[in-house]
Amino acid sequence: MDINATEEQQLETLKRWWMEYGKSIILGAVIGLGGLFGWRYYQSHQIETRSAGAEAFAQVSEQLATKGPAAFDDTAAFVEQNQGNNYGELAALLLAAEAVKVNDLALAQQQLELALAGIQDAALGDTIRLRLARVLLAQNELAGAQSHLDAIEADAFAAQLREVQGDLFMADGKVDDARDAYRAARDAGGLTNNPGLQLKLDNLAVSAELGDEE
């Protein structure tokens, strides 16, 4: 066998292979490295974005706590700009809480609905539904309040759910149903750190006694 001839053939074969596939290999390597550096850039960008978001949220929440209603517009703008991320949802919840304090129930409802639309955590979603039900009830929107109560599934909210359900029955003039709901809330542990529930039960008991006397 002519070794030189064999080597020349192998070299020629290698040249043809390189012409056919070599550029693709280089391109693949470049894309792979680009993907690696791109992923690192993406991670770095995400960290920077989260850091900037956290700083902006901290500023907004501080202004809301110190300025109150004077910071409502800026907080609402932050919520709008950050819809779909946790900072926007948290800011919406804070704004809703402050709005309730000054009896701006329409704003509270709007912000709670925005937070609920983007939330992924089931437990937090149920917490928001309870708050929404209370806000809607305060606006005498009984059907809307009931729809949010009906959507709550977690057993952990049984006491709060039944208490708000009792409030809704009272607003609708269904006193007996309200009493049953309050008792169910009490039996579910609703009296823990909640003197208001006991007061509601006591008031219904007094009302029942007065009714019997009449």
N, C-alpha and C. Protein backbone atom coordinates (compact mmCIF):
# COMPACT_ATOMS: atom_id res chain seq x y z
N MET A 1 0.86 -1.19 0.00
CA MET A 1 0.00 0.00 0.00
C MET A 1 0.89 1.23 0.00
N ASP A 2 0.56 2.21 -0.85
CA ASP A 2 1.30 3.46 -0.92
C ASP A 2 0.78 4.37 0.19
N ILE A 3 1.62 4.52 1.24
CA ILE A 3 1.18 5.28 2.39
C ILE A 3 0.98 6.74 2.01
N ASN A 4 1.89 7.29 1.21
CA ASN A 4 1.78 8.68 0.80
C ASN A 4 0.48 8.92 0.02
N ALA A 5 0.18 8.00 -0.89
CA ALA A 5 -1.04 8.12 -1.67
C ALA A 5 -2.26 8.06 -0.76
N THR A 6 -2.19 7.15 0.21
CA THR A 6 -3.31 7.02 1.15
C THR A 6 -3.49 8.31 1.95
N GLU A 7 -2.37 8.90 2.41
CA GLU A 7 -2.44 10.13 3.16
C GLU A 7 -2.99 11.27 2.30
N GLU A 8 -2.60 11.29 1.01
CA GLU A 8 -3.11 12.32 0.11
C GLU A 8 -4.62 12.17 -0.08
N GLN A 9 -5.06 10.92 -0.18
CA GLN A 9 -6.48 10.67 -0.32
C GLN A 9 -7.25 11.12 0.94
N GLN A 10 -6.65 10.79 2.07
CA GLN A 10 -7.30 11.20 3.33
C GLN A 10 -7.34 12.71 3.45
N LEU A 11 -6.26 13.38 3.03
CA LEU A 11 -6.21 14.83 3.08
C LEU A 11 -7.25 15.43 2.15
N GLU A 12 -7.38 14.84 0.94
CA GLU A 12 -8.37 15.33 -0.02
C GLU A 12 -9.79 15.14 0.52
N THR A 13 -9.98 13.97 1.15
CA THR A 13 -11.30 13.71 1.75
C THR A 13 -11.60 14.72 2.85
N LEU A 14 -10.60 15.02 3.66
CA LEU A 14 -10.75 15.98 4.74
C LEU A 14 -11.08 17.36 4.19
N LYS A 15 -10.39 17.74 3.08
CA LYS A 15 -10.65 19.04 2.47
C LYS A 15 -12.09 19.13 2.00
N ARG A 16 -12.56 18.05 1.32
CA ARG A 16 -13.95 18.05 0.83
C ARG A 16 -14.93 18.12 2.00
N TRP A 17 -14.65 17.37 3.07
CA TRP A 17 -15.52 17.36 4.25
C TRP A 17 -15.58 18.75 4.87
N TRP A 18 -14.39 19.40 4.91
CA TRP A 18 -14.32 20.74 5.51
C TRP A 18 -15.12 21.74 4.68
N MET A 19 -15.01 21.62 3.34
CA MET A 19 -15.75 22.52 2.48
C MET A 19 -17.25 22.35 2.67
N GLU A 20 -17.68 21.13 2.92
CA GLU A 20 -19.10 20.85 3.07
C GLU A 20 -19.64 21.18 4.47
N TYR A 21 -18.85 20.86 5.50
CA TYR A 21 -19.37 20.94 6.87
C TYR A 21 -18.62 21.89 7.80
N GLY A 22 -17.44 22.32 7.41
CA GLY A 22 -16.62 23.12 8.31
C GLY A 22 -17.26 24.42 8.71
N LYS A 23 -17.83 25.14 7.74
CA LYS A 23 -18.45 26.42 8.03
C LYS A 23 -19.64 26.26 8.99
N SER A 24 -20.36 25.17 8.78
CA SER A 24 -21.51 24.93 9.67
C SER A 24 -21.07 24.69 11.10
N ILE A 25 -19.94 23.99 11.25
CA ILE A 25 -19.42 23.73 12.59
C ILE A 25 -19.01 25.03 13.26
N ILE A 26 -18.29 25.89 12.52
CA ILE A 26 -17.87 27.17 13.08
C ILE A 26 -19.09 28.00 13.46
N LEU A 27 -20.08 28.03 12.55
CA LEU A 27 -21.28 28.80 12.82
C LEU A 27 -21.99 28.28 14.06
N GLY A 28 -22.05 26.96 14.18
CA GLY A 28 -22.69 26.37 15.36
C GLY A 28 -21.96 26.72 16.63
N ALA A 29 -20.63 26.72 16.56
CA ALA A 29 -19.83 27.08 17.73
C ALA A 29 -20.06 28.54 18.11
N VAL A 30 -20.11 29.40 17.08
CA VAL A 30 -20.34 30.82 17.35
C VAL A 30 -21.72 31.02 17.99
N ILE A 31 -22.72 30.33 17.43
CA ILE A 31 -24.07 30.45 17.99
C ILE A 31 -24.09 29.93 19.42
N GLY A 32 -23.38 28.81 19.64
CA GLY A 32 -23.34 28.25 20.99
C GLY A 32 -22.70 29.20 21.98
N LEU A 33 -21.57 29.78 21.59
CA LEU A 33 -20.91 30.74 22.47
C LEU A 33 -21.76 31.99 22.64
N GLY A 34 -22.38 32.38 21.53
CA GLY A 34 -23.27 33.55 21.62
C GLY A 34 -24.41 33.28 22.58
N GLY A 35 -24.95 32.05 22.53
CA GLY A 35 -26.02 31.69 23.45
C GLY A 35 -25.55 31.70 24.88
N LEU A 36 -24.33 31.23 25.12
CA LEU A 36 -23.78 31.21 26.46
C LEU A 36 -23.62 32.63 27.00
N PHE A 37 -22.99 33.47 26.18
CA PHE A 37 -22.80 34.85 26.63
C PHE A 37 -24.14 35.58 26.69
N GLY A 38 -25.04 35.23 25.76
CA GLY A 38 -26.36 35.84 25.78
C GLY A 38 -27.12 35.48 27.03
N TRP A 39 -27.02 34.20 27.47
CA TRP A 39 -27.69 33.76 28.68
C TRP A 39 -27.13 34.48 29.90
N ARG A 40 -25.78 34.62 29.89
CA ARG A 40 -25.16 35.34 31.01
C ARG A 40 -25.61 36.79 31.03
N TYR A 41 -25.71 37.39 29.85
CA TYR A 41 -26.19 38.77 29.77
C TYR A 41 -27.63 38.85 30.25
N TYR A 42 -28.44 37.87 29.83
CA TYR A 42 -29.85 37.85 30.24
C TYR A 42 -29.97 37.75 31.75
N GLN A 43 -29.17 36.84 32.34
CA GLN A 43 -29.21 36.70 33.79
C GLN A 43 -28.80 38.00 34.48
N SER A 44 -27.73 38.61 33.97
CA SER A 44 -27.25 39.87 34.54
C SER A 44 -28.32 40.95 34.40
N HIS A 45 -28.96 40.97 33.22
CA HIS A 45 -30.01 41.97 32.98
C HIS A 45 -31.18 41.75 33.92
N GLN A 46 -31.54 40.48 34.13
CA GLN A 46 -32.65 40.18 35.03
C GLN A 46 -32.34 40.62 36.46
N ILE A 47 -31.12 40.36 36.90
CA ILE A 47 -30.72 40.78 38.25
C ILE A 47 -30.78 42.30 38.37
N GLU A 48 -30.26 43.00 37.35
CA GLU A 48 -30.29 44.46 37.38
C GLU A 48 -31.72 44.97 37.37
N THR A 49 -32.57 44.32 36.55
CA THR A 49 -33.98 44.73 36.46
C THR A 49 -34.69 44.53 37.79
N ARG A 50 -34.45 43.36 38.41
CA ARG A 50 -35.09 43.09 39.70
C ARG A 50 -34.59 44.07 40.76
N SER A 51 -33.30 44.39 40.71
CA SER A 51 -32.75 45.33 41.67
C SER A 51 -33.37 46.71 41.49
N ALA A 52 -33.49 47.14 40.24
CA ALA A 52 -34.10 48.44 39.96
C ALA A 52 -35.57 48.43 40.38
N GLY A 53 -36.25 47.31 40.10
CA GLY A 53 -37.66 47.20 40.48
C GLY A 53 -37.84 47.24 41.98
N ALA A 54 -36.96 46.54 42.70
CA ALA A 54 -37.03 46.53 44.16
C ALA A 54 -36.79 47.92 44.73
N GLU A 55 -35.85 48.64 44.15
CA GLU A 55 -35.55 49.99 44.64
C GLU A 55 -36.73 50.93 44.38
N ALA A 56 -37.31 50.82 43.17
CA ALA A 56 -38.46 51.66 42.84
C ALA A 56 -39.65 51.33 43.73
N PHE A 57 -39.86 50.04 43.98
CA PHE A 57 -40.96 49.64 44.86
C PHE A 57 -40.75 50.17 46.27
N ALA A 58 -39.52 50.11 46.75
CA ALA A 58 -39.21 50.61 48.09
C ALA A 58 -39.52 52.10 48.19
N GLN A 59 -39.18 52.85 47.15
CA GLN A 59 -39.45 54.29 47.15
C GLN A 59 -40.94 54.57 47.15
N VAL A 60 -41.67 53.83 46.30
CA VAL A 60 -43.11 54.04 46.20
C VAL A 60 -43.81 53.68 47.51
N SER A 61 -43.43 52.55 48.09
CA SER A 61 -44.08 52.11 49.32
C SER A 61 -43.76 53.07 50.47
N GLU A 62 -42.55 53.63 50.49
CA GLU A 62 -42.18 54.59 51.54
C GLU A 62 -42.99 55.88 51.39
N GLN A 63 -43.12 56.35 50.14
CA GLN A 63 -43.92 57.55 49.90
C GLN A 63 -45.37 57.33 50.28
N LEU A 64 -45.88 56.15 49.98
CA LEU A 64 -47.27 55.84 50.30
C LEU A 64 -47.48 55.83 51.81
N ALA A 65 -46.51 55.29 52.54
CA ALA A 65 -46.63 55.21 53.99
C ALA A 65 -46.51 56.58 54.65
N THR A 66 -45.70 57.45 54.07
CA THR A 66 -45.46 58.75 54.71
C THR A 66 -46.37 59.86 54.20
N LYS A 67 -46.75 59.78 52.93
CA LYS A 67 -47.55 60.86 52.34
C LYS A 67 -49.03 60.52 52.23
N GLY A 68 -49.36 59.24 52.30
CA GLY A 68 -50.76 58.85 52.22
C GLY A 68 -51.39 59.19 50.89
N PRO A 69 -52.58 59.81 50.88
CA PRO A 69 -53.28 60.11 49.63
C PRO A 69 -52.48 60.93 48.63
N ALA A 70 -51.54 61.72 49.11
CA ALA A 70 -50.72 62.54 48.21
C ALA A 70 -49.85 61.67 47.30
N ALA A 71 -49.64 60.42 47.70
CA ALA A 71 -48.81 59.51 46.89
C ALA A 71 -49.65 58.53 46.08
N PHE A 72 -50.96 58.68 46.11
CA PHE A 72 -51.83 57.72 45.41
C PHE A 72 -51.57 57.69 43.91
N ASP A 73 -51.45 58.88 43.30
CA ASP A 73 -51.27 58.93 41.84
C ASP A 73 -49.96 58.28 41.41
N ASP A 74 -48.89 58.60 42.14
CA ASP A 74 -47.59 58.02 41.79
C ASP A 74 -47.60 56.50 41.98
N THR A 75 -48.25 56.04 43.03
CA THR A 75 -48.32 54.60 43.27
C THR A 75 -49.15 53.91 42.20
N ALA A 76 -50.25 54.53 41.82
CA ALA A 76 -51.10 53.96 40.76
C ALA A 76 -50.33 53.88 39.44
N ALA A 77 -49.52 54.91 39.17
CA ALA A 77 -48.71 54.90 37.95
C ALA A 77 -47.68 53.77 38.00
N PHE A 78 -47.08 53.56 39.17
CA PHE A 78 -46.12 52.47 39.33
C PHE A 78 -46.81 51.12 39.09
N VAL A 79 -48.01 50.96 39.63
CA VAL A 79 -48.76 49.71 39.43
C VAL A 79 -49.00 49.48 37.94
N GLU A 80 -49.42 50.53 37.24
CA GLU A 80 -49.70 50.40 35.81
C GLU A 80 -48.46 50.03 35.03
N GLN A 81 -47.34 50.61 35.40
CA GLN A 81 -46.08 50.35 34.69
C GLN A 81 -45.51 48.97 35.00
N ASN A 82 -45.95 48.37 36.10
CA ASN A 82 -45.37 47.10 36.52
C ASN A 82 -46.40 45.98 36.58
N GLN A 83 -47.44 46.09 35.77
CA GLN A 83 -48.42 45.02 35.72
C GLN A 83 -47.76 43.74 35.22
N GLY A 84 -48.08 42.65 35.90
CA GLY A 84 -47.51 41.37 35.50
C GLY A 84 -46.28 40.98 36.29
N ASN A 85 -45.81 41.84 37.19
CA ASN A 85 -44.70 41.42 38.05
C ASN A 85 -45.08 41.63 39.52
N ASN A 86 -44.32 41.01 40.39
CA ASN A 86 -44.67 41.01 41.81
C ASN A 86 -44.68 42.40 42.43
N TYR A 87 -43.79 43.26 41.97
CA TYR A 87 -43.72 44.59 42.56
C TYR A 87 -45.00 45.37 42.27
N GLY A 88 -45.51 45.24 41.07
CA GLY A 88 -46.76 45.91 40.73
C GLY A 88 -47.92 45.41 41.55
N GLU A 89 -47.97 44.09 41.74
CA GLU A 89 -49.06 43.50 42.51
C GLU A 89 -48.99 43.91 43.99
N LEU A 90 -47.78 43.90 44.54
CA LEU A 90 -47.61 44.31 45.94
C LEU A 90 -47.97 45.78 46.12
N ALA A 91 -47.56 46.61 45.18
CA ALA A 91 -47.89 48.03 45.26
C ALA A 91 -49.40 48.24 45.17
N ALA A 92 -50.06 47.44 44.35
CA ALA A 92 -51.52 47.54 44.23
C ALA A 92 -52.19 47.19 45.55
N LEU A 93 -51.69 46.16 46.23
CA LEU A 93 -52.26 45.78 47.52
C LEU A 93 -52.05 46.87 48.57
N LEU A 94 -50.86 47.46 48.58
CA LEU A 94 -50.59 48.54 49.53
C LEU A 94 -51.48 49.75 49.26
N LEU A 95 -51.61 50.07 47.98
CA LEU A 95 -52.44 51.22 47.61
C LEU A 95 -53.90 50.96 47.98
N ALA A 96 -54.38 49.74 47.76
CA ALA A 96 -55.75 49.41 48.12
C ALA A 96 -55.98 49.56 49.62
N ALA A 97 -55.03 49.11 50.42
CA ALA A 97 -55.16 49.23 51.87
C ALA A 97 -55.22 50.68 52.32
N GLU A 98 -54.38 51.52 51.71
CA GLU A 98 -54.40 52.94 52.07
C GLU A 98 -55.68 53.61 51.58
N ALA A 99 -56.17 53.18 50.44
CA ALA A 99 -57.41 53.75 49.91
C ALA A 99 -58.60 53.44 50.81
N VAL A 100 -58.61 52.24 51.37
CA VAL A 100 -59.69 51.87 52.30
C VAL A 100 -59.66 52.78 53.53
N LYS A 101 -58.47 53.13 53.99
CA LYS A 101 -58.34 53.97 55.19
C LYS A 101 -59.00 55.33 55.00
N VAL A 102 -58.98 55.83 53.76
CA VAL A 102 -59.59 57.15 53.50
C VAL A 102 -60.93 57.00 52.81
N ASN A 103 -61.45 55.77 52.83
CA ASN A 103 -62.78 55.47 52.29
C ASN A 103 -62.88 55.70 50.78
N ASP A 104 -61.76 55.58 50.08
CA ASP A 104 -61.79 55.63 48.61
C ASP A 104 -61.97 54.20 48.11
N LEU A 105 -63.19 53.72 48.21
CA LEU A 105 -63.46 52.31 47.94
C LEU A 105 -63.35 51.98 46.45
N ALA A 106 -63.65 52.92 45.60
CA ALA A 106 -63.53 52.67 44.16
C ALA A 106 -62.07 52.41 43.77
N LEU A 107 -61.17 53.22 44.34
CA LEU A 107 -59.74 53.01 44.07
C LEU A 107 -59.28 51.69 44.66
N ALA A 108 -59.73 51.38 45.86
CA ALA A 108 -59.35 50.12 46.49
C ALA A 108 -59.81 48.93 45.64
N GLN A 109 -61.03 49.00 45.16
CA GLN A 109 -61.55 47.92 44.32
C GLN A 109 -60.72 47.78 43.04
N GLN A 110 -60.42 48.90 42.41
CA GLN A 110 -59.63 48.86 41.17
C GLN A 110 -58.27 48.21 41.39
N GLN A 111 -57.59 48.60 42.46
CA GLN A 111 -56.25 48.07 42.70
C GLN A 111 -56.29 46.60 43.10
N LEU A 112 -57.27 46.21 43.87
CA LEU A 112 -57.40 44.79 44.23
C LEU A 112 -57.69 43.94 43.00
N GLU A 113 -58.49 44.44 42.10
CA GLU A 113 -58.79 43.70 40.88
C GLU A 113 -57.55 43.57 40.01
N LEU A 114 -56.73 44.61 39.95
CA LEU A 114 -55.47 44.55 39.20
C LEU A 114 -54.54 43.51 39.81
N ALA A 115 -54.45 43.52 41.14
CA ALA A 115 -53.58 42.56 41.82
C ALA A 115 -54.06 41.14 41.59
N LEU A 116 -55.36 40.94 41.68
CA LEU A 116 -55.93 39.60 41.51
C LEU A 116 -55.71 39.07 40.10
N ALA A 117 -55.77 39.96 39.12
CA ALA A 117 -55.60 39.55 37.72
C ALA A 117 -54.21 38.99 37.44
N GLY A 118 -53.20 39.48 38.17
CA GLY A 118 -51.84 39.04 37.89
C GLY A 118 -51.27 38.06 38.87
N ILE A 119 -52.00 37.76 39.92
CA ILE A 119 -51.44 36.92 40.98
C ILE A 119 -51.40 35.46 40.56
N GLN A 120 -50.36 34.75 40.98
CA GLN A 120 -50.22 33.32 40.69
C GLN A 120 -50.39 32.46 41.93
N ASP A 121 -50.10 33.01 43.08
CA ASP A 121 -50.18 32.25 44.32
C ASP A 121 -51.63 32.11 44.76
N ALA A 122 -52.10 30.86 44.95
CA ALA A 122 -53.51 30.61 45.25
C ALA A 122 -53.92 31.21 46.59
N ALA A 123 -53.07 31.06 47.60
CA ALA A 123 -53.41 31.57 48.93
C ALA A 123 -53.52 33.09 48.92
N LEU A 124 -52.59 33.76 48.26
CA LEU A 124 -52.65 35.21 48.17
C LEU A 124 -53.87 35.64 47.36
N GLY A 125 -54.20 34.85 46.35
CA GLY A 125 -55.40 35.15 45.56
C GLY A 125 -56.65 35.10 46.41
N ASP A 126 -56.75 34.13 47.30
CA ASP A 126 -57.91 34.04 48.19
C ASP A 126 -57.95 35.20 49.18
N THR A 127 -56.78 35.63 49.64
CA THR A 127 -56.72 36.80 50.52
C THR A 127 -57.25 38.04 49.82
N ILE A 128 -56.86 38.21 48.55
CA ILE A 128 -57.33 39.35 47.78
C ILE A 128 -58.83 39.27 47.55
N ARG A 129 -59.33 38.06 47.29
CA ARG A 129 -60.78 37.90 47.08
C ARG A 129 -61.57 38.28 48.33
N LEU A 130 -61.05 37.92 49.49
CA LEU A 130 -61.71 38.32 50.74
C LEU A 130 -61.75 39.84 50.88
N ARG A 131 -60.63 40.48 50.58
CA ARG A 131 -60.59 41.95 50.67
C ARG A 131 -61.54 42.57 49.67
N LEU A 132 -61.56 42.01 48.47
CA LEU A 132 -62.47 42.53 47.44
C LEU A 132 -63.92 42.37 47.87
N ALA A 133 -64.24 41.24 48.45
CA ALA A 133 -65.61 41.00 48.91
C ALA A 133 -66.00 42.06 49.95
N ARG A 134 -65.09 42.36 50.86
CA ARG A 134 -65.39 43.36 51.89
C ARG A 134 -65.58 44.75 51.27
N VAL A 135 -64.71 45.08 50.31
CA VAL A 135 -64.80 46.39 49.66
C VAL A 135 -66.10 46.51 48.87
N LEU A 136 -66.46 45.47 48.16
CA LEU A 136 -67.70 45.48 47.38
C LEU A 136 -68.91 45.52 48.30
N LEU A 137 -68.84 44.80 49.40
CA LEU A 137 -69.92 44.81 50.38
C LEU A 137 -70.12 46.21 50.95
N ALA A 138 -69.02 46.90 51.21
CA ALA A 138 -69.10 48.26 51.73
C ALA A 138 -69.74 49.21 50.73
N GLN A 139 -69.69 48.84 49.44
CA GLN A 139 -70.33 49.64 48.39
C GLN A 139 -71.72 49.10 48.04
N ASN A 140 -72.19 48.15 48.85
CA ASN A 140 -73.50 47.53 48.68
C ASN A 140 -73.61 46.77 47.35
N GLU A 141 -72.48 46.31 46.84
CA GLU A 141 -72.48 45.47 45.64
C GLU A 141 -72.46 44.01 46.08
N LEU A 142 -73.63 43.54 46.49
CA LEU A 142 -73.73 42.23 47.14
C LEU A 142 -73.42 41.09 46.18
N ALA A 143 -73.90 41.18 44.95
CA ALA A 143 -73.67 40.10 43.99
C ALA A 143 -72.19 39.95 43.68
N GLY A 144 -71.50 41.08 43.51
CA GLY A 144 -70.06 41.02 43.25
C GLY A 144 -69.30 40.45 44.42
N ALA A 145 -69.69 40.86 45.63
CA ALA A 145 -69.04 40.34 46.83
C ALA A 145 -69.25 38.83 46.93
N GLN A 146 -70.46 38.38 46.65
CA GLN A 146 -70.76 36.96 46.74
C GLN A 146 -69.95 36.15 45.73
N SER A 147 -69.75 36.70 44.55
CA SER A 147 -69.00 35.98 43.51
C SER A 147 -67.56 35.73 43.95
N HIS A 148 -66.97 36.68 44.64
CA HIS A 148 -65.60 36.50 45.12
C HIS A 148 -65.54 35.51 46.29
N LEU A 149 -66.54 35.54 47.15
CA LEU A 149 -66.59 34.57 48.24
C LEU A 149 -66.74 33.15 47.68
N ASP A 150 -67.55 33.01 46.66
CA ASP A 150 -67.78 31.69 46.07
C ASP A 150 -66.52 31.11 45.42
N ALA A 151 -65.58 32.00 45.04
CA ALA A 151 -64.36 31.55 44.36
C ALA A 151 -63.28 31.11 45.33
N ILE A 152 -63.48 31.33 46.62
CA ILE A 152 -62.47 30.96 47.62
C ILE A 152 -62.61 29.48 47.97
N GLU A 153 -61.50 28.74 47.88
CA GLU A 153 -61.54 27.30 48.09
C GLU A 153 -60.71 26.83 49.28
N ALA A 154 -59.70 27.59 49.67
CA ALA A 154 -58.75 27.14 50.70
C ALA A 154 -59.43 27.04 52.07
N ASP A 155 -59.25 25.92 52.74
CA ASP A 155 -59.82 25.73 54.08
C ASP A 155 -59.23 26.70 55.10
N ALA A 156 -58.04 27.17 54.83
CA ALA A 156 -57.38 28.08 55.77
C ALA A 156 -58.15 29.38 55.96
N PHE A 157 -59.02 29.70 55.01
CA PHE A 157 -59.78 30.95 55.08
C PHE A 157 -61.22 30.71 55.52
N ALA A 158 -61.50 29.55 56.09
CA ALA A 158 -62.87 29.20 56.43
C ALA A 158 -63.50 30.20 57.38
N ALA A 159 -62.78 30.57 58.44
CA ALA A 159 -63.36 31.48 59.44
C ALA A 159 -63.63 32.85 58.83
N GLN A 160 -62.65 33.41 58.12
CA GLN A 160 -62.84 34.73 57.51
C GLN A 160 -63.94 34.70 56.47
N LEU A 161 -63.97 33.62 55.68
CA LEU A 161 -64.99 33.50 54.65
C LEU A 161 -66.38 33.52 55.25
N ARG A 162 -66.58 32.74 56.30
CA ARG A 162 -67.91 32.66 56.91
C ARG A 162 -68.31 33.96 57.60
N GLU A 163 -67.33 34.64 58.16
CA GLU A 163 -67.66 35.92 58.78
C GLU A 163 -68.12 36.93 57.74
N VAL A 164 -67.37 37.03 56.64
CA VAL A 164 -67.76 37.97 55.58
C VAL A 164 -69.10 37.54 54.97
N GLN A 165 -69.30 36.23 54.87
CA GLN A 165 -70.59 35.74 54.38
C GLN A 165 -71.72 36.20 55.32
N GLY A 166 -71.46 36.15 56.62
CA GLY A 166 -72.43 36.65 57.59
C GLY A 166 -72.72 38.13 57.39
N ASP A 167 -71.66 38.91 57.15
CA ASP A 167 -71.84 40.33 56.90
C ASP A 167 -72.71 40.56 55.67
N LEU A 168 -72.48 39.74 54.65
CA LEU A 168 -73.25 39.88 53.42
C LEU A 168 -74.72 39.54 53.67
N PHE A 169 -74.97 38.49 54.44
CA PHE A 169 -76.36 38.13 54.78
C PHE A 169 -77.03 39.26 55.56
N MET A 170 -76.30 39.85 56.49
CA MET A 170 -76.86 40.96 57.27
C MET A 170 -77.23 42.12 56.35
N ALA A 171 -76.35 42.44 55.41
CA ALA A 171 -76.63 43.53 54.48
C ALA A 171 -77.84 43.23 53.61
N ASP A 172 -78.10 41.95 53.40
CA ASP A 172 -79.22 41.52 52.56
C ASP A 172 -80.48 41.27 53.39
N GLY A 173 -80.39 41.54 54.69
CA GLY A 173 -81.55 41.38 55.55
C GLY A 173 -81.84 39.94 55.97
N LYS A 174 -80.91 39.05 55.79
CA LYS A 174 -81.10 37.63 56.13
C LYS A 174 -80.44 37.36 57.49
N VAL A 175 -81.13 37.74 58.54
CA VAL A 175 -80.55 37.72 59.87
C VAL A 175 -80.25 36.30 60.35
N ASP A 176 -81.18 35.39 60.13
CA ASP A 176 -80.96 34.01 60.57
C ASP A 176 -79.77 33.38 59.86
N ASP A 177 -79.66 33.63 58.55
CA ASP A 177 -78.52 33.11 57.79
C ASP A 177 -77.22 33.74 58.29
N ALA A 178 -77.28 35.01 58.64
CA ALA A 178 -76.10 35.69 59.15
C ALA A 178 -75.66 35.08 60.47
N ARG A 179 -76.62 34.81 61.35
CA ARG A 179 -76.29 34.20 62.65
C ARG A 179 -75.61 32.84 62.44
N ASP A 180 -76.15 32.05 61.52
CA ASP A 180 -75.56 30.73 61.25
C ASP A 180 -74.14 30.88 60.71
N ALA A 181 -73.94 31.87 59.85
CA ALA A 181 -72.61 32.08 59.26
C ALA A 181 -71.62 32.53 60.32
N TYR A 182 -72.03 33.41 61.21
CA TYR A 182 -71.14 33.86 62.28
C TYR A 182 -70.79 32.72 63.23
N ARG A 183 -71.77 31.89 63.53
CA ARG A 183 -71.50 30.74 64.38
C ARG A 183 -70.51 29.78 63.71
N ALA A 184 -70.69 29.59 62.41
CA ALA A 184 -69.76 28.73 61.67
C ALA A 184 -68.36 29.33 61.68
N ALA A 185 -68.27 30.65 61.58
CA ALA A 185 -66.97 31.32 61.65
C ALA A 185 -66.34 31.12 63.01
N ARG A 186 -67.16 31.24 64.06
CA ARG A 186 -66.67 31.01 65.43
C ARG A 186 -66.17 29.58 65.59
N ASP A 187 -66.93 28.62 65.10
CA ASP A 187 -66.56 27.22 65.23
C ASP A 187 -65.30 26.88 64.43
N ALA A 188 -65.04 27.67 63.40
CA ALA A 188 -63.85 27.45 62.57
C ALA A 188 -62.62 28.16 63.13
N GLY A 189 -62.78 28.73 64.35
CA GLY A 189 -61.64 29.41 64.98
C GLY A 189 -61.61 30.88 64.76
N GLY A 190 -62.75 31.45 64.35
CA GLY A 190 -62.78 32.86 64.00
C GLY A 190 -62.69 33.82 65.17
N LEU A 191 -62.83 33.34 66.41
CA LEU A 191 -62.76 34.24 67.56
C LEU A 191 -61.34 34.58 67.96
N THR A 192 -60.38 33.85 67.42
CA THR A 192 -58.98 34.10 67.75
C THR A 192 -58.56 35.49 67.28
N ASN A 193 -58.21 36.34 68.24
CA ASN A 193 -57.79 37.72 67.94
C ASN A 193 -58.81 38.47 67.09
N ASN A 194 -60.08 38.16 67.30
CA ASN A 194 -61.13 38.80 66.51
C ASN A 194 -62.34 39.10 67.39
N PRO A 195 -62.24 40.10 68.25
CA PRO A 195 -63.37 40.44 69.12
C PRO A 195 -64.58 40.92 68.35
N GLY A 196 -64.36 41.39 67.13
CA GLY A 196 -65.47 41.88 66.32
C GLY A 196 -66.50 40.80 66.02
N LEU A 197 -66.03 39.58 65.79
CA LEU A 197 -66.96 38.48 65.51
C LEU A 197 -67.84 38.19 66.71
N GLN A 198 -67.24 38.18 67.90
CA GLN A 198 -68.03 37.94 69.11
C GLN A 198 -69.05 39.05 69.31
N LEU A 199 -68.67 40.28 68.99
CA LEU A 199 -69.59 41.41 69.12
C LEU A 199 -70.78 41.23 68.18
N LYS A 200 -70.52 40.76 66.98
CA LYS A 200 -71.62 40.53 66.03
C LYS A 200 -72.58 39.46 66.57
N LEU A 201 -72.02 38.40 67.12
CA LEU A 201 -72.86 37.35 67.70
C LEU A 201 -73.65 37.88 68.89
N ASP A 202 -73.02 38.67 69.74
CA ASP A 202 -73.70 39.23 70.91
C ASP A 202 -74.83 40.16 70.48
N ASN A 203 -74.59 40.97 69.47
CA ASN A 203 -75.62 41.89 69.00
C ASN A 203 -76.83 41.14 68.45
N LEU A 204 -76.56 40.04 67.74
CA LEU A 204 -77.66 39.24 67.21
C LEU A 204 -78.44 38.57 68.34
N ALA A 205 -77.72 38.15 69.37
CA ALA A 205 -78.38 37.52 70.51
C ALA A 205 -79.28 38.52 71.23
N VAL A 206 -78.79 39.74 71.41
CA VAL A 206 -79.59 40.79 72.05
C VAL A 206 -80.82 41.11 71.20
N SER A 207 -80.60 41.19 69.88
CA SER A 207 -81.72 41.47 68.98
C SER A 207 -82.78 40.38 69.07
N ALA A 208 -82.33 39.13 69.17
CA ALA A 208 -83.27 38.02 69.27
C ALA A 208 -84.05 38.09 70.58
N GLU A 209 -83.37 38.45 71.66
CA GLU A 209 -84.06 38.57 72.96
C GLU A 209 -85.09 39.68 72.95
N LEU A 210 -84.73 40.81 72.34
CA LEU A 210 -85.67 41.91 72.26
C LEU A 210 -86.88 41.55 71.41
N GLY A 211 -86.60 40.76 70.37
CA GLY A 211 -87.69 40.32 69.51
C GLY A 211 -88.64 39.40 70.25
N ASP A 212 -88.07 38.54 71.10
CA ASP A 212 -88.92 37.61 71.90
C ASP A 212 -89.77 38.38 72.88
N GLU A 213 -89.21 39.44 73.48
CA GLU A 213 -89.93 40.22 74.46
C GLU A 213 -91.12 40.94 73.84
N GLU A 214 -90.92 41.36 72.61
CA GLU A 214 -92.01 42.03 71.92
C GLU A 214 -93.12 41.03 71.59
